[in-house]
C-alpha cells in the first residue's frame, strides 16, 4: 500500500544502495501516493475509505473482510506478535497468509471490477480513478 508497504520497501532499498524508481519504476509522489508510469498500483485502503460505505470504525482489513466477504480472518493481538513470531512461527505464518488471502479476494471481488469499470467511463488511469 501507499502508506506502509511501499515506504518500507523503499527504505530497505535505500539501505542496500538501490533506488526503487531506478530498479522498478515506482516513485512516491509529494502526496505520499506510490505511482508508476508502466504499472497500475491500487491501494485497497483508498477504495475502503471512499467506496465501501462502511462505518468509520469498520475500515480495517479484518473488519472489511468480515463485512464484505463474510470471511473471518485470523487475528493476532499486536502486543503478542513478537512473542508469537519467536514461539509460534506457524501461527504467525497463518496470520500473514490470512491477510494476503483477505486482500486478494477483496481486490478481485470488489475493487478491480469497480475501478476498471469506472476507468472505462472516466478517461483516467485506474490508479488515478481510485484516488
C-alpha atoms as a PDB file:
ATOM      1  CA  UNK A   1       0.000   0.000   0.000  1.00  0.00           C
ATOM      2  CA  UNK A   2       0.885   3.651  -0.223  1.00  0.00           C
ATOM      3  CA  UNK A   3       1.461   4.273   3.463  1.00  0.00           C
ATOM      4  CA  UNK A   4       3.223   1.160   4.752  1.00  0.00           C
ATOM      5  CA  UNK A   5       4.295  -1.448   2.204  1.00  0.00           C
ATOM      6  CA  UNK A   6       5.979   0.724  -0.409  1.00  0.00           C
ATOM      7  CA  UNK A   7       7.616   3.115   2.092  1.00  0.00           C
ATOM      8  CA  UNK A   8       9.029   0.061   3.899  1.00  0.00           C
ATOM      9  CA  UNK A   9      10.364  -1.453   0.670  1.00  0.00           C
ATOM     10  CA  UNK A  10      11.721   1.933  -0.426  1.00  0.00           C
ATOM     11  CA  UNK A  11      13.649   2.357   2.850  1.00  0.00           C
ATOM     12  CA  UNK A  12      15.022  -1.181   2.563  1.00  0.00           C
ATOM     13  CA  UNK A  13      16.157  -0.455  -0.998  1.00  0.00           C
ATOM     14  CA  UNK A  14      17.917   2.729   0.079  1.00  0.00           C
ATOM     15  CA  UNK A  15      19.617   0.897   2.942  1.00  0.00           C
ATOM     16  CA  UNK A  16      21.057  -1.543   0.400  1.00  0.00           C
ATOM     17  CA  UNK A  17      22.065   1.141  -2.088  1.00  0.00           C
ATOM     18  CA  UNK A  18      19.187   0.669  -4.509  1.00  0.00           C
ATOM     19  CA  UNK A  19      16.710   3.179  -5.859  1.00  0.00           C
ATOM     20  CA  UNK A  20      13.133   1.892  -6.122  1.00  0.00           C
ATOM     21  CA  UNK A  21      12.409   4.138  -9.098  1.00  0.00           C
ATOM     22  CA  UNK A  22      15.525   3.071 -10.994  1.00  0.00           C
ATOM     23  CA  UNK A  23      15.002  -0.612 -10.190  1.00  0.00           C
ATOM     24  CA  UNK A  24      11.208  -0.956 -10.573  1.00  0.00           C
ATOM     25  CA  UNK A  25       9.867   2.370 -11.828  1.00  0.00           C
ATOM     26  CA  UNK A  26       7.810   3.187  -8.717  1.00  0.00           C
ATOM     27  CA  UNK A  27       8.036   6.626  -7.155  1.00  0.00           C
ATOM     28  CA  UNK A  28       6.324   8.197  -4.144  1.00  0.00           C
ATOM     29  CA  UNK A  29       4.548  11.450  -5.042  1.00  0.00           C
ATOM     30  CA  UNK A  30       4.584  14.539  -2.841  1.00  0.00           C
ATOM     31  CA  UNK A  31       1.145  13.440  -1.579  1.00  0.00           C
ATOM     32  CA  UNK A  32       2.519  10.079  -0.424  1.00  0.00           C
ATOM     33  CA  UNK A  33       0.954   8.042  -3.242  1.00  0.00           C
ATOM     34  CA  UNK A  34       3.057   5.406  -4.963  1.00  0.00           C
ATOM     35  CA  UNK A  35       2.843   5.720  -8.740  1.00  0.00           C
ATOM     36  CA  UNK A  36       4.482   4.182 -11.787  1.00  0.00           C
ATOM     37  CA  UNK A  37       4.145   5.043 -15.460  1.00  0.00           C
ATOM     38  CA  UNK A  38       4.217   1.420 -16.620  1.00  0.00           C
ATOM     39  CA  UNK A  39       2.056  -0.304 -13.981  1.00  0.00           C
ATOM     40  CA  UNK A  40      -1.126   0.183 -12.006  1.00  0.00           C
ATOM     41  CA  UNK A  41      -0.758   0.358  -8.243  1.00  0.00           C
ATOM     42  CA  UNK A  42      -4.051   0.395  -6.380  1.00  0.00           C
ATOM     43  CA  UNK A  43      -4.096   0.597  -2.602  1.00  0.00           C
ATOM     44  CA  UNK A  44      -7.199  -1.204  -1.309  1.00  0.00           C
ATOM     45  CA  UNK A  45      -7.457   1.256   1.576  1.00  0.00           C
ATOM     46  CA  UNK A  46      -8.428   4.048  -0.849  1.00  0.00           C
ATOM     47  CA  UNK A  47     -11.431   2.011  -2.021  1.00  0.00           C
ATOM     48  CA  UNK A  48     -12.401   1.107   1.542  1.00  0.00           C
ATOM     49  CA  UNK A  49     -12.333   4.742   2.652  1.00  0.00           C
ATOM     50  CA  UNK A  50     -14.164   6.151  -0.361  1.00  0.00           C
ATOM     51  CA  UNK A  51     -16.415   3.473  -1.843  1.00  0.00           C
ATOM     52  CA  UNK A  52     -17.108   0.687   0.662  1.00  0.00           C
ATOM     53  CA  UNK A  53     -19.846   2.545   2.575  1.00  0.00           C
ATOM     54  CA  UNK A  54     -18.672   1.024   5.842  1.00  0.00           C
ATOM     55  CA  UNK A  55     -18.855   2.972   9.123  1.00  0.00           C
ATOM     56  CA  UNK A  56     -15.738   4.849  10.225  1.00  0.00           C
ATOM     57  CA  UNK A  57     -14.626   2.284  12.845  1.00  0.00           C
ATOM     58  CA  UNK A  58     -15.040  -0.676  10.477  1.00  0.00           C
ATOM     59  CA  UNK A  59     -12.422   0.091   7.846  1.00  0.00           C
ATOM     60  CA  UNK A  60      -9.523  -2.112   8.896  1.00  0.00           C
ATOM     61  CA  UNK A  61      -8.681  -5.163   6.782  1.00  0.00           C
ATOM     62  CA  UNK A  62     -10.234  -7.613   9.253  1.00  0.00           C
ATOM     63  CA  UNK A  63     -13.499  -5.667   9.633  1.00  0.00           C
ATOM     64  CA  UNK A  64     -13.842  -5.096   5.871  1.00  0.00           C
ATOM     65  CA  UNK A  65     -13.184  -8.774   5.169  1.00  0.00           C
ATOM     66  CA  UNK A  66     -15.868  -9.816   7.635  1.00  0.00           C
ATOM     67  CA  UNK A  67     -18.396  -7.269   6.363  1.00  0.00           C
ATOM     68  CA  UNK A  68     -17.849  -7.598   2.616  1.00  0.00           C
ATOM     69  CA  UNK A  69     -16.683 -11.198   2.146  1.00  0.00           C
ATOM     70  CA  UNK A  70     -18.250 -12.915   5.148  1.00  0.00           C
ATOM     71  CA  UNK A  71     -14.846 -14.436   5.904  1.00  0.00           C
ATOM     72  CA  UNK A  72     -13.398 -14.454   9.426  1.00  0.00           C
ATOM     73  CA  UNK A  73      -9.646 -13.915   9.018  1.00  0.00           C
ATOM     74  CA  UNK A  74      -7.036 -14.964  11.569  1.00  0.00           C
ATOM     75  CA  UNK A  75      -6.482 -12.210  14.124  1.00  0.00           C
ATOM     76  CA  UNK A  76      -3.465 -11.669  16.360  1.00  0.00           C
ATOM     77  CA  UNK A  77      -3.170  -9.009  19.045  1.00  0.00           C
ATOM     78  CA  UNK A  78      -0.307  -6.661  18.066  1.00  0.00           C
ATOM     79  CA  UNK A  79       1.073  -6.998  21.596  1.00  0.00           C
ATOM     80  CA  UNK A  80       1.524 -10.754  21.024  1.00  0.00           C
ATOM     81  CA  UNK A  81       3.107 -10.625  17.560  1.00  0.00           C
ATOM     82  CA  UNK A  82       6.764 -10.525  18.580  1.00  0.00           C
ATOM     83  CA  UNK A  83       6.387 -13.319  21.134  1.00  0.00           C
ATOM     84  CA  UNK A  84       4.371 -15.435  18.692  1.00  0.00           C
ATOM     85  CA  UNK A  85       6.934 -14.925  15.927  1.00  0.00           C
ATOM     86  CA  UNK A  86       9.575 -16.434  18.180  1.00  0.00           C
ATOM     87  CA  UNK A  87       7.467 -19.114  19.882  1.00  0.00           C
ATOM     88  CA  UNK A  88       4.738 -19.918  17.346  1.00  0.00           C
ATOM     89  CA  UNK A  89       6.063 -19.098  13.868  1.00  0.00           C
ATOM     90  CA  UNK A  90       3.461 -21.319  12.178  1.00  0.00           C
ATOM     91  CA  UNK A  91       0.632 -19.297  13.757  1.00  0.00           C
ATOM     92  CA  UNK A  92       2.236 -16.048  12.585  1.00  0.00           C
ATOM     93  CA  UNK A  93       2.587 -17.515   9.096  1.00  0.00           C
ATOM     94  CA  UNK A  94      -1.133 -18.354   9.150  1.00  0.00           C
ATOM     95  CA  UNK A  95      -1.882 -14.781  10.188  1.00  0.00           C
ATOM     96  CA  UNK A  96       0.219 -13.411   7.327  1.00  0.00           C
ATOM     97  CA  UNK A  97      -1.383 -15.731   4.773  1.00  0.00           C
ATOM     98  CA  UNK A  98      -4.829 -14.803   6.097  1.00  0.00           C
ATOM     99  CA  UNK A  99      -4.079 -11.114   5.430  1.00  0.00           C
ATOM    100  CA  UNK A 100      -2.850 -11.890   1.925  1.00  0.00           C
ATOM    101  CA  UNK A 101      -5.926 -14.008   1.130  1.00  0.00           C
ATOM    102  CA  UNK A 102      -8.240 -11.312   2.519  1.00  0.00           C
ATOM    103  CA  UNK A 103      -6.589  -8.605   0.435  1.00  0.00           C
ATOM    104  CA  UNK A 104      -6.616 -10.717  -2.728  1.00  0.00           C
ATOM    105  CA  UNK A 105     -10.299 -11.651  -2.533  1.00  0.00           C
ATOM    106  CA  UNK A 106     -11.336  -8.148  -1.512  1.00  0.00           C
ATOM    107  CA  UNK A 107      -9.475  -6.755  -4.513  1.00  0.00           C
ATOM    108  CA  UNK A 108     -10.704  -9.351  -7.018  1.00  0.00           C
ATOM    109  CA  UNK A 109     -14.323  -9.306  -5.795  1.00  0.00           C
ATOM    110  CA  UNK A 110     -14.908  -5.584  -5.314  1.00  0.00           C
ATOM    111  CA  UNK A 111     -12.065  -3.238  -6.170  1.00  0.00           C
ATOM    112  CA  UNK A 112     -10.809  -4.500  -9.540  1.00  0.00           C
ATOM    113  CA  UNK A 113     -14.217  -4.736 -11.276  1.00  0.00           C
ATOM    114  CA  UNK A 114     -15.409  -1.437  -9.797  1.00  0.00           C
ATOM    115  CA  UNK A 115     -12.324   0.642 -10.600  1.00  0.00           C
ATOM    116  CA  UNK A 116     -11.764  -0.768 -14.094  1.00  0.00           C
ATOM    117  CA  UNK A 117     -15.450  -0.232 -14.902  1.00  0.00           C
ATOM    118  CA  UNK A 118     -15.117   3.390 -13.811  1.00  0.00           C
ATOM    119  CA  UNK A 119     -11.914   3.732 -15.827  1.00  0.00           C
ATOM    120  CA  UNK A 120     -13.819   2.826 -18.998  1.00  0.00           C
ATOM    121  CA  UNK A 121     -16.160   5.775 -18.311  1.00  0.00           C
ATOM    122  CA  UNK A 122     -13.718   8.286 -16.811  1.00  0.00           C
ATOM    123  CA  UNK A 123     -10.744   8.907 -19.122  1.00  0.00           C
ATOM    124  CA  UNK A 124      -8.080   8.383 -16.450  1.00  0.00           C
ATOM    125  CA  UNK A 125      -5.738   5.534 -15.489  1.00  0.00           C
ATOM    126  CA  UNK A 126      -7.255   3.122 -12.932  1.00  0.00           C
ATOM    127  CA  UNK A 127      -4.944   4.080 -10.065  1.00  0.00           C
ATOM    128  CA  UNK A 128      -5.934   7.736 -10.502  1.00  0.00           C
ATOM    129  CA  UNK A 129      -9.638   6.817 -10.654  1.00  0.00           C
ATOM    130  CA  UNK A 130      -9.191   5.043  -7.326  1.00  0.00           C
ATOM    131  CA  UNK A 131      -7.555   8.016  -5.662  1.00  0.00           C
END
